[in-house]
Amino acid sequence: MKTFLQSLLGKTYQILFYLWRMLCYFVCGDNLQGEAMQSGELNVTGRDKVEINLGKHHPCRVVVRFKGGHHHVPCNPKHHDELRWELKNKHRPHRHDRRNDHCHHENKYVIMICWHVTDVRTIEWAAYY
């Protein structure tokens, strides 16, 4: 019963914190997110993918987008450039990680960015902590 109440209290705290952040986001805009601790640009062509190492701390927000917004190909207006990204943790859990005496493996977060473009494009990315 004690574990259930602790779990319920933890989930309630997470929900209230999330609602508070959303309220502040709508009132304050992106200023709440702080400065981009890591950011950069990629000049890309064709179809490919890349992994960007972010280190051992989980970012609270990641933004990946094309610089300059939407472009379409003049000879094929139905084709749109494609951009996909995913935040991954490269640390694989081990059986001994649940014990108190585990060997303290560190997390390794990366952004996996995939694109398919018809012209030279610039991708902007930023990680907020």
C-alpha atoms as a PDB file:
ATOM      1  CA  MET A   1       0.000   0.000   0.000  1.00  0.00           C
ATOM      2  CA  LYS A   2       2.861   2.348   0.861  1.00  0.00           C
ATOM      3  CA  THR A   3       4.505   1.743  -2.530  1.00  0.00           C
ATOM      4  CA  PHE A   4       1.215   2.413  -4.313  1.00  0.00           C
ATOM      5  CA  LEU A   5       0.767   5.732  -2.493  1.00  0.00           C
ATOM      6  CA  GLN A   6       4.346   6.761  -3.278  1.00  0.00           C
ATOM      7  CA  SER A   7       3.833   5.884  -6.924  1.00  0.00           C
ATOM      8  CA  LEU A   8       0.527   7.779  -7.028  1.00  0.00           C
ATOM      9  CA  LEU A   9       2.116  10.821  -5.402  1.00  0.00           C
ATOM     10  CA  GLY A  10       5.033  10.704  -7.869  1.00  0.00           C
ATOM     11  CA  LYS A  11       2.724  10.496 -10.888  1.00  0.00           C
ATOM     12  CA  THR A  12       0.567  13.338  -9.532  1.00  0.00           C
ATOM     13  CA  TYR A  13       3.678  15.474  -9.112  1.00  0.00           C
ATOM     14  CA  GLN A  14       4.771  14.717 -12.707  1.00  0.00           C
ATOM     15  CA  ILE A  15       1.355  15.636 -14.115  1.00  0.00           C
ATOM     16  CA  LEU A  16       1.168  18.880 -12.134  1.00  0.00           C
ATOM     17  CA  PHE A  17       4.730  19.796 -13.162  1.00  0.00           C
ATOM     18  CA  TYR A  18       3.885  19.108 -16.821  1.00  0.00           C
ATOM     19  CA  LEU A  19       0.723  21.224 -16.633  1.00  0.00           C
ATOM     20  CA  TRP A  20       2.681  24.061 -14.971  1.00  0.00           C
ATOM     21  CA  ARG A  21       5.336  23.926 -17.740  1.00  0.00           C
ATOM     22  CA  MET A  22       2.657  23.988 -20.452  1.00  0.00           C
ATOM     23  CA  LEU A  23       0.934  26.972 -18.821  1.00  0.00           C
ATOM     24  CA  CYS A  24       4.249  28.830 -18.547  1.00  0.00           C
ATOM     25  CA  TYR A  25       5.102  27.913 -22.148  1.00  0.00           C
ATOM     26  CA  PHE A  26       1.858  29.432 -23.423  1.00  0.00           C
ATOM     27  CA  VAL A  27       2.304  32.564 -21.309  1.00  0.00           C
ATOM     28  CA  CYS A  28       6.075  33.098 -21.735  1.00  0.00           C
ATOM     29  CA  GLY A  29       6.740  31.422 -25.067  1.00  0.00           C
ATOM     30  CA  ASP A  30      10.095  29.787 -25.804  1.00  0.00           C
ATOM     31  CA  ASN A  31      11.887  31.993 -23.249  1.00  0.00           C
ATOM     32  CA  LEU A  32      11.082  29.440 -20.547  1.00  0.00           C
ATOM     33  CA  GLN A  33      13.255  26.806 -22.208  1.00  0.00           C
ATOM     34  CA  GLY A  34      16.499  28.658 -21.465  1.00  0.00           C
ATOM     35  CA  GLU A  35      19.439  28.971 -23.764  1.00  0.00           C
ATOM     36  CA  ALA A  36      20.280  26.288 -26.263  1.00  0.00           C
ATOM     37  CA  MET A  37      23.151  24.502 -24.581  1.00  0.00           C
ATOM     38  CA  GLN A  38      24.061  22.685 -27.781  1.00  0.00           C
ATOM     39  CA  SER A  39      23.099  23.738 -31.281  1.00  0.00           C
ATOM     40  CA  GLY A  40      24.334  23.648 -34.834  1.00  0.00           C
ATOM     41  CA  GLU A  41      23.568  23.589 -38.529  1.00  0.00           C
ATOM     42  CA  LEU A  42      23.998  20.894 -41.162  1.00  0.00           C
ATOM     43  CA  ASN A  43      24.214  21.564 -44.902  1.00  0.00           C
ATOM     44  CA  VAL A  44      22.690  18.483 -46.527  1.00  0.00           C
ATOM     45  CA  THR A  45      21.902  17.067 -49.966  1.00  0.00           C
ATOM     46  CA  GLY A  46      20.275  13.863 -51.171  1.00  0.00           C
ATOM     47  CA  ARG A  47      19.294  11.185 -48.664  1.00  0.00           C
ATOM     48  CA  ASP A  48      21.342  10.315 -45.605  1.00  0.00           C
ATOM     49  CA  LYS A  49      21.411  10.277 -41.806  1.00  0.00           C
ATOM     50  CA  VAL A  50      23.709  11.414 -39.014  1.00  0.00           C
ATOM     51  CA  GLU A  51      24.059  10.933 -35.253  1.00  0.00           C
ATOM     52  CA  ILE A  52      24.939  13.939 -33.087  1.00  0.00           C
ATOM     53  CA  ASN A  53      26.351  13.184 -29.648  1.00  0.00           C
ATOM     54  CA  LEU A  54      24.705  15.220 -26.851  1.00  0.00           C
ATOM     55  CA  GLY A  55      26.572  13.760 -23.886  1.00  0.00           C
ATOM     56  CA  LYS A  56      25.251  12.105 -20.749  1.00  0.00           C
ATOM     57  CA  HIS A  57      22.455  14.529 -19.748  1.00  0.00           C
ATOM     58  CA  HIS A  58      18.928  14.149 -21.114  1.00  0.00           C
ATOM     59  CA  PRO A  59      17.735  17.357 -22.812  1.00  0.00           C
ATOM     60  CA  CYS A  60      14.315  18.659 -21.789  1.00  0.00           C
ATOM     61  CA  ARG A  61      13.596  19.793 -25.351  1.00  0.00           C
ATOM     62  CA  VAL A  62      15.105  19.198 -28.796  1.00  0.00           C
ATOM     63  CA  VAL A  63      14.296  21.226 -31.918  1.00  0.00           C
ATOM     64  CA  VAL A  64      15.246  20.024 -35.414  1.00  0.00           C
ATOM     65  CA  ARG A  65      13.959  21.863 -38.506  1.00  0.00           C
ATOM     66  CA  PHE A  66      14.840  23.063 -41.973  1.00  0.00           C
ATOM     67  CA  LYS A  67      16.232  26.575 -42.076  1.00  0.00           C
ATOM     68  CA  GLY A  68      14.034  28.797 -44.211  1.00  0.00           C
ATOM     69  CA  GLY A  69      10.856  26.761 -43.836  1.00  0.00           C
ATOM     70  CA  HIS A  70       9.065  24.768 -46.534  1.00  0.00           C
ATOM     71  CA  HIS A  71      10.402  24.445 -50.082  1.00  0.00           C
ATOM     72  CA  HIS A  72       8.978  22.465 -52.947  1.00  0.00           C
ATOM     73  CA  VAL A  73      10.554  21.342 -56.186  1.00  0.00           C
ATOM     74  CA  PRO A  74       9.503  23.587 -59.122  1.00  0.00           C
ATOM     75  CA  CYS A  75       9.197  20.669 -61.564  1.00  0.00           C
ATOM     76  CA  ASN A  76       7.356  18.477 -59.018  1.00  0.00           C
ATOM     77  CA  PRO A  77       5.254  20.627 -56.659  1.00  0.00           C
ATOM     78  CA  LYS A  78       3.853  17.568 -54.853  1.00  0.00           C
ATOM     79  CA  HIS A  79       7.298  16.492 -53.605  1.00  0.00           C
ATOM     80  CA  HIS A  80       8.229  17.778 -50.165  1.00  0.00           C
ATOM     81  CA  ASP A  81      11.622  17.519 -48.521  1.00  0.00           C
ATOM     82  CA  GLU A  82      11.583  15.014 -45.684  1.00  0.00           C
ATOM     83  CA  LEU A  83      13.154  15.496 -42.256  1.00  0.00           C
ATOM     84  CA  ARG A  84      12.898  12.983 -39.392  1.00  0.00           C
ATOM     85  CA  TRP A  85      14.725  12.919 -36.095  1.00  0.00           C
ATOM     86  CA  GLU A  86      14.788  10.865 -32.918  1.00  0.00           C
ATOM     87  CA  LEU A  87      16.432  11.269 -29.515  1.00  0.00           C
ATOM     88  CA  LYS A  88      18.086   8.022 -28.398  1.00  0.00           C
ATOM     89  CA  ASN A  89      19.926   6.785 -25.346  1.00  0.00           C
ATOM     90  CA  LYS A  90      22.815   4.565 -26.439  1.00  0.00           C
ATOM     91  CA  HIS A  91      23.183   3.039 -22.940  1.00  0.00           C
ATOM     92  CA  ARG A  92      21.794  -0.459 -22.981  1.00  0.00           C
ATOM     93  CA  PRO A  93      20.442  -1.648 -19.632  1.00  0.00           C
ATOM     94  CA  HIS A  94      22.316  -4.479 -18.014  1.00  0.00           C
ATOM     95  CA  ARG A  95      20.936  -7.099 -15.648  1.00  0.00           C
ATOM     96  CA  HIS A  96      23.008  -5.737 -12.784  1.00  0.00           C
ATOM     97  CA  ASP A  97      21.800  -2.115 -13.229  1.00  0.00           C
ATOM     98  CA  ARG A  98      18.918  -2.673 -10.791  1.00  0.00           C
ATOM     99  CA  ARG A  99      21.234  -3.550  -7.928  1.00  0.00           C
ATOM    100  CA  ASN A 100      22.607  -0.836  -5.679  1.00  0.00           C
ATOM    101  CA  ASP A 101      26.186  -1.900  -6.379  1.00  0.00           C
ATOM    102  CA  HIS A 102      26.009  -1.649 -10.173  1.00  0.00           C
ATOM    103  CA  CYS A 103      29.022  -0.342 -12.043  1.00  0.00           C
ATOM    104  CA  HIS A 104      27.497   3.095 -12.849  1.00  0.00           C
ATOM    105  CA  HIS A 105      27.296   2.974 -16.618  1.00  0.00           C
ATOM    106  CA  GLU A 106      26.677   6.450 -17.983  1.00  0.00           C
ATOM    107  CA  ASN A 107      23.945   7.424 -20.397  1.00  0.00           C
ATOM    108  CA  LYS A 108      24.922   8.579 -23.873  1.00  0.00           C
ATOM    109  CA  TYR A 109      22.231  10.609 -25.640  1.00  0.00           C
ATOM    110  CA  VAL A 110      22.322  11.188 -29.392  1.00  0.00           C
ATOM    111  CA  ILE A 111      20.061  12.840 -31.935  1.00  0.00           C
ATOM    112  CA  MET A 112      19.525  10.692 -35.013  1.00  0.00           C
ATOM    113  CA  ILE A 113      18.626  12.979 -37.959  1.00  0.00           C
ATOM    114  CA  CYS A 114      17.447  11.518 -41.291  1.00  0.00           C
ATOM    115  CA  TRP A 115      16.679  13.568 -44.399  1.00  0.00           C
ATOM    116  CA  HIS A 116      15.662  13.239 -48.038  1.00  0.00           C
ATOM    117  CA  VAL A 117      15.988  16.476 -49.998  1.00  0.00           C
ATOM    118  CA  THR A 118      16.181  17.389 -53.670  1.00  0.00           C
ATOM    119  CA  ASP A 119      18.405  20.454 -53.336  1.00  0.00           C
ATOM    120  CA  VAL A 120      20.974  21.797 -50.884  1.00  0.00           C
ATOM    121  CA  ARG A 121      19.214  22.492 -47.572  1.00  0.00           C
ATOM    122  CA  THR A 122      20.310  23.597 -44.127  1.00  0.00           C
ATOM    123  CA  ILE A 123      19.062  21.794 -41.018  1.00  0.00           C
ATOM    124  CA  GLU A 124      19.086  23.663 -37.701  1.00  0.00           C
ATOM    125  CA  TRP A 125      19.156  21.689 -34.455  1.00  0.00           C
ATOM    126  CA  ALA A 126      19.210  22.742 -30.810  1.00  0.00           C
ATOM    127  CA  ALA A 127      19.125  20.897 -27.480  1.00  0.00           C
ATOM    128  CA  TYR A 128      17.733  22.684 -24.406  1.00  0.00           C
ATOM    129  CA  TYR A 129      18.542  21.575 -20.848  1.00  0.00           C
END
